[in-house]
Amino acid sequence: MATGITLAQAAWGDALAEVLMRGRGYTWEEFMTTHPAGAVGRLSDMPADPQPLPFPETQEEAR
């Protein structure tokens, strides 16, 4: 049985992965072809690709 901290860590990791994937413009098609299980790539009903997140290039843009 997972404890609260285990669930919180899993949620944090999932959120971080989502932000990084969207920030890099990683598409569902790329995910399906690189997923280690392989069977995921055979799904024909893929959701729409999420919009990329804009990341500032410099510290000045971040302000």
Protein backbone atom coordinates (compact mmCIF):
# COMPACT_ATOMS: atom_id res chain seq x y z
CA MET A 1 0.00 0.00 0.00
CA ALA A 2 1.42 3.36 -1.03
CA THR A 3 1.86 6.00 1.61
CA GLY A 4 1.05 9.67 1.21
CA ILE A 5 4.64 10.65 0.46
CA THR A 6 4.93 7.94 -2.20
CA LEU A 7 1.82 9.21 -3.95
CA ALA A 8 3.03 12.82 -3.69
CA GLN A 9 6.40 11.89 -5.22
CA ALA A 10 4.71 10.03 -8.08
CA ALA A 11 2.44 13.01 -8.78
CA TRP A 12 5.42 15.41 -8.69
CA GLY A 13 7.37 13.22 -11.12
CA ASP A 14 4.41 12.98 -13.51
CA ALA A 15 3.90 16.75 -13.41
CA LEU A 16 7.59 17.42 -14.04
CA ALA A 17 7.64 15.00 -16.99
CA GLU A 18 4.56 16.69 -18.49
CA VAL A 19 6.05 20.18 -18.21
CA LEU A 20 9.37 19.10 -19.72
CA MET A 21 7.70 17.21 -22.57
CA ARG A 22 5.46 20.17 -23.42
CA GLY A 23 8.33 22.63 -23.10
CA ARG A 24 10.40 20.66 -25.60
CA GLY A 25 7.49 20.20 -28.01
CA TYR A 26 7.50 16.41 -27.59
CA THR A 27 4.45 15.00 -29.42
CA TRP A 28 2.23 12.02 -28.65
CA GLU A 29 3.47 10.35 -31.84
CA GLU A 30 7.06 10.59 -30.62
CA PHE A 31 6.02 9.25 -27.23
CA MET A 32 4.22 6.28 -28.75
CA THR A 33 7.20 5.29 -30.89
CA THR A 34 9.77 5.63 -28.09
CA HIS A 35 7.76 4.10 -25.22
CA PRO A 36 9.66 1.07 -23.87
CA ALA A 37 6.61 -1.20 -23.75
CA GLY A 38 6.10 -0.93 -27.50
CA ALA A 39 2.44 -1.94 -27.34
CA VAL A 40 1.47 1.65 -26.62
CA GLY A 41 2.61 2.61 -30.11
CA ARG A 42 -0.12 0.44 -31.62
CA LEU A 43 -2.93 2.57 -30.24
CA SER A 44 -4.83 4.36 -32.98
CA ASP A 45 -6.84 6.68 -30.70
CA MET A 46 -4.21 9.14 -29.60
CA PRO A 47 -5.21 12.41 -27.96
CA ALA A 48 -4.28 15.71 -29.58
CA ASP A 49 -0.74 16.93 -28.96
CA PRO A 50 -0.53 19.42 -26.07
CA GLN A 51 0.52 22.97 -26.87
CA PRO A 52 4.22 23.65 -26.17
CA LEU A 53 4.94 25.79 -23.12
CA PRO A 54 6.96 28.97 -23.79
CA PHE A 55 10.18 28.97 -21.77
CA PRO A 56 12.21 32.19 -21.48
CA GLU A 57 15.61 31.98 -23.15
CA THR A 58 17.37 34.42 -20.81
CA GLN A 59 17.05 35.74 -17.27
CA GLU A 60 15.85 39.09 -18.66
CA GLU A 61 12.91 37.44 -20.43
CA ALA A 62 11.96 35.66 -17.22
CA ARG A 63 11.36 38.97 -15.44
